[in-house]
N, C-alpha and C. Protein backbone atom coordinates (compact mmCIF):
# COMPACT_ATOMS: atom_id res chain seq x y z
N MET A 1 12.80 9.06 1.76
CA MET A 1 11.77 8.98 0.68
C MET A 1 12.55 8.37 -0.48
N MET A 2 11.83 7.68 -1.08
CA MET A 2 12.28 6.88 -2.42
C MET A 2 11.73 7.80 -3.45
N THR A 3 12.58 7.79 -4.46
CA THR A 3 12.53 8.67 -5.46
C THR A 3 11.34 8.04 -6.55
N GLU A 4 10.02 8.55 -7.20
CA GLU A 4 9.43 7.12 -8.24
C GLU A 4 8.92 7.89 -9.04
N LYS A 5 8.90 6.74 -10.01
CA LYS A 5 8.17 7.16 -11.53
C LYS A 5 6.87 7.25 -11.43
N MET A 6 5.90 8.39 -11.51
CA MET A 6 4.51 8.45 -11.76
C MET A 6 3.58 8.36 -12.75
N ILE A 7 2.33 7.66 -12.87
CA ILE A 7 2.06 7.47 -13.34
C ILE A 7 0.34 8.60 -13.71
N THR A 8 0.07 9.04 -14.44
CA THR A 8 -0.98 9.75 -14.67
C THR A 8 -2.61 9.28 -15.18
N LEU A 9 -3.39 9.01 -14.40
CA LEU A 9 -4.34 8.41 -14.69
C LEU A 9 -5.63 9.37 -15.33
N ASN A 10 -6.52 8.65 -16.07
CA ASN A 10 -7.21 9.33 -16.83
C ASN A 10 -7.65 11.05 -16.45
N ASN A 11 -7.84 11.08 -14.88
CA ASN A 11 -8.41 12.12 -14.54
C ASN A 11 -7.44 12.84 -13.97
N GLY A 12 -6.19 12.95 -14.37
CA GLY A 12 -5.05 14.00 -14.36
C GLY A 12 -4.17 13.60 -12.96
N VAL A 13 -4.63 12.78 -12.00
CA VAL A 13 -4.41 12.30 -10.72
C VAL A 13 -3.25 12.12 -11.16
N GLU A 14 -1.47 11.59 -10.14
CA GLU A 14 -0.70 11.45 -10.50
C GLU A 14 -0.23 10.33 -9.46
N ILE A 15 -0.19 9.06 -9.64
CA ILE A 15 0.03 7.91 -8.56
C ILE A 15 1.57 7.53 -8.68
N PRO A 16 2.19 6.83 -7.68
CA PRO A 16 3.71 6.73 -7.92
C PRO A 16 3.32 4.98 -8.71
N GLN A 17 4.14 4.73 -9.45
CA GLN A 17 4.14 3.56 -10.37
C GLN A 17 4.11 2.40 -9.56
N LEU A 18 5.14 2.70 -8.80
CA LEU A 18 5.72 1.27 -8.22
C LEU A 18 5.12 1.27 -6.72
N ALA A 19 3.89 -0.08 -6.36
CA ALA A 19 3.28 -0.59 -5.12
C ALA A 19 3.19 -1.58 -4.99
N LEU A 20 2.79 -1.64 -3.61
CA LEU A 20 2.81 -2.82 -3.04
C LEU A 20 1.90 -3.64 -3.12
N GLY A 21 1.50 -5.01 -3.73
CA GLY A 21 0.53 -5.42 -4.24
C GLY A 21 -0.22 -6.11 -2.64
N THR A 22 -1.59 -6.60 -2.84
CA THR A 22 -1.60 -7.26 -1.58
C THR A 22 -2.88 -7.91 -1.78
N TRP A 23 -2.84 -8.64 -3.18
CA TRP A 23 -3.87 -9.45 -2.87
C TRP A 23 -3.45 -11.00 -2.94
N ILE A 24 -4.08 -12.05 -2.98
CA ILE A 24 -3.86 -13.20 -2.03
C ILE A 24 -2.84 -13.02 -0.77
N VAL A 25 -3.21 -12.11 -0.07
CA VAL A 25 -1.80 -12.37 0.71
C VAL A 25 -3.05 -12.25 1.88
N ASP A 26 -2.92 -13.51 3.01
CA ASP A 26 -3.64 -13.76 4.20
C ASP A 26 -3.44 -12.76 4.84
N ASP A 27 -4.90 -12.26 6.40
CA ASP A 27 -4.43 -11.87 7.32
C ASP A 27 -3.55 -11.63 8.10
N ASN A 28 -3.22 -12.85 8.51
CA ASN A 28 -2.39 -13.25 9.27
C ASN A 28 -1.09 -12.67 8.59
N LYS A 29 -0.32 -12.53 7.56
CA LYS A 29 0.83 -12.18 6.85
C LYS A 29 0.53 -11.28 6.31
N VAL A 30 -0.24 -10.25 6.24
CA VAL A 30 0.34 -9.10 5.49
C VAL A 30 0.36 -7.71 6.17
N ALA A 31 0.13 -8.16 7.81
CA ALA A 31 0.56 -6.85 8.36
C ALA A 31 2.02 -6.37 8.00
N GLU A 32 3.18 -7.21 8.51
CA GLU A 32 4.33 -6.58 8.71
C GLU A 32 4.85 -5.98 7.08
N PRO A 33 4.39 -7.32 5.76
CA PRO A 33 4.58 -6.34 4.66
C PRO A 33 4.55 -4.91 4.54
N VAL A 34 3.30 -4.69 5.26
CA VAL A 34 2.52 -3.65 4.60
C VAL A 34 3.44 -2.46 5.53
N LYS A 35 3.39 -2.83 7.01
CA LYS A 35 4.18 -1.95 7.83
C LYS A 35 5.50 -1.98 7.27
N THR A 36 6.29 -2.55 6.84
CA THR A 36 7.38 -2.37 6.30
C THR A 36 7.85 -1.52 4.89
N ALA A 37 6.76 -1.81 4.26
CA ALA A 37 7.02 -1.17 3.26
C ALA A 37 6.66 0.49 3.28
N ILE A 38 5.43 1.20 4.51
CA ILE A 38 5.37 2.35 4.47
C ILE A 38 6.68 2.95 5.00
N ARG A 39 6.69 2.11 5.65
CA ARG A 39 8.40 3.09 6.92
C ARG A 39 9.59 3.01 6.19
N LEU A 40 9.68 1.94 4.70
CA LEU A 40 10.34 2.34 3.85
C LEU A 40 10.42 3.16 2.48
N GLY A 41 9.19 4.19 2.59
CA GLY A 41 9.01 5.12 2.26
C GLY A 41 7.82 4.92 0.70
N TYR A 42 6.94 3.60 1.26
CA TYR A 42 5.82 3.48 -0.54
C TYR A 42 4.94 4.22 0.17
N CYS A 43 3.95 5.25 -0.72
CA CYS A 43 3.18 5.97 -1.05
C CYS A 43 2.01 5.00 -1.72
N HIS A 44 2.09 4.11 -2.20
CA HIS A 44 0.98 3.48 -3.02
C HIS A 44 0.94 2.02 -2.26
N VAL A 45 -0.41 1.76 -1.48
CA VAL A 45 -0.40 0.05 -1.30
C VAL A 45 -1.42 0.01 -2.53
N ASP A 46 -1.50 -1.35 -3.29
CA ASP A 46 -2.62 -1.45 -3.57
C ASP A 46 -3.70 -2.63 -3.15
N THR A 47 -4.73 -2.25 -2.62
CA THR A 47 -5.70 -3.03 -1.54
C THR A 47 -7.52 -2.66 -2.80
N ALA A 48 -8.02 -3.56 -2.24
CA ALA A 48 -9.63 -3.28 -2.53
C ALA A 48 -10.41 -4.56 -1.41
N GLN A 49 -11.60 -3.94 -1.25
CA GLN A 49 -12.42 -4.33 -0.72
C GLN A 49 -12.32 -5.99 -0.25
N ALA A 50 -12.60 -6.13 -1.98
CA ALA A 50 -12.57 -8.00 -2.69
C ALA A 50 -11.20 -8.73 -2.36
N TYR A 51 -10.24 -8.08 -2.12
CA TYR A 51 -9.56 -8.86 -1.16
C TYR A 51 -9.55 -9.27 0.32
N ALA A 52 -10.80 -8.40 0.73
CA ALA A 52 -10.93 -9.31 2.05
C ALA A 52 -9.60 -9.33 2.90
N ASN A 53 -8.82 -8.54 2.88
CA ASN A 53 -7.65 -8.97 4.20
C ASN A 53 -7.64 -7.65 4.62
N GLU A 54 -6.78 -7.52 5.90
CA GLU A 54 -6.65 -6.58 6.69
C GLU A 54 -5.45 -5.04 6.69
N VAL A 55 -5.37 -4.68 5.25
CA VAL A 55 -4.75 -3.66 4.72
C VAL A 55 -4.70 -2.43 5.55
N ILE A 56 -5.92 -2.28 5.37
CA ILE A 56 -6.52 -0.96 6.04
C ILE A 56 -6.50 -0.53 7.26
N CYS A 57 -6.88 -1.72 8.13
CA CYS A 57 -6.40 -1.74 9.64
C CYS A 57 -4.35 -1.68 9.74
N CYS A 58 -4.07 -2.52 8.96
CA CYS A 58 -2.85 -2.43 8.97
C CYS A 58 -1.98 -1.08 8.83
N ILE A 59 -2.17 -0.40 7.92
CA ILE A 59 -1.84 0.89 7.67
C ILE A 59 -2.00 2.48 8.16
N LYS A 60 -3.71 1.82 9.26
CA LYS A 60 -3.64 3.04 10.02
C LYS A 60 -3.19 3.20 11.29
N LYS A 61 -2.69 1.90 11.70
CA LYS A 61 -1.47 1.28 12.91
C LYS A 61 -0.51 1.97 12.56
N VAL A 62 0.23 1.73 11.51
CA VAL A 62 1.51 2.33 11.54
C VAL A 62 1.52 4.20 11.29
N ILE A 63 0.19 4.48 10.61
CA ILE A 63 0.31 6.19 10.68
C ILE A 63 0.13 7.06 11.96
N LEU A 64 -0.84 5.45 12.56
CA LEU A 64 -1.14 6.55 13.99
C LEU A 64 -0.28 5.99 15.17
N PHE A 65 0.99 5.17 15.00
CA PHE A 65 1.83 5.04 16.27
C PHE A 65 3.19 5.17 15.33
């Protein structure tokens, strides 16, 4: 697992400072980087419904398989 610096949000929740960004990544190109990042120890994947890509599906597949 990677050792990371953390950021404390206004509500007191801590999140990793380093994240994999997924904005402007096409559906057909997002799966491999997300899978690789999770397997390498990333625990912060920056995504949003507005990005309209398949990041959540990729994360579920990595966790379940």
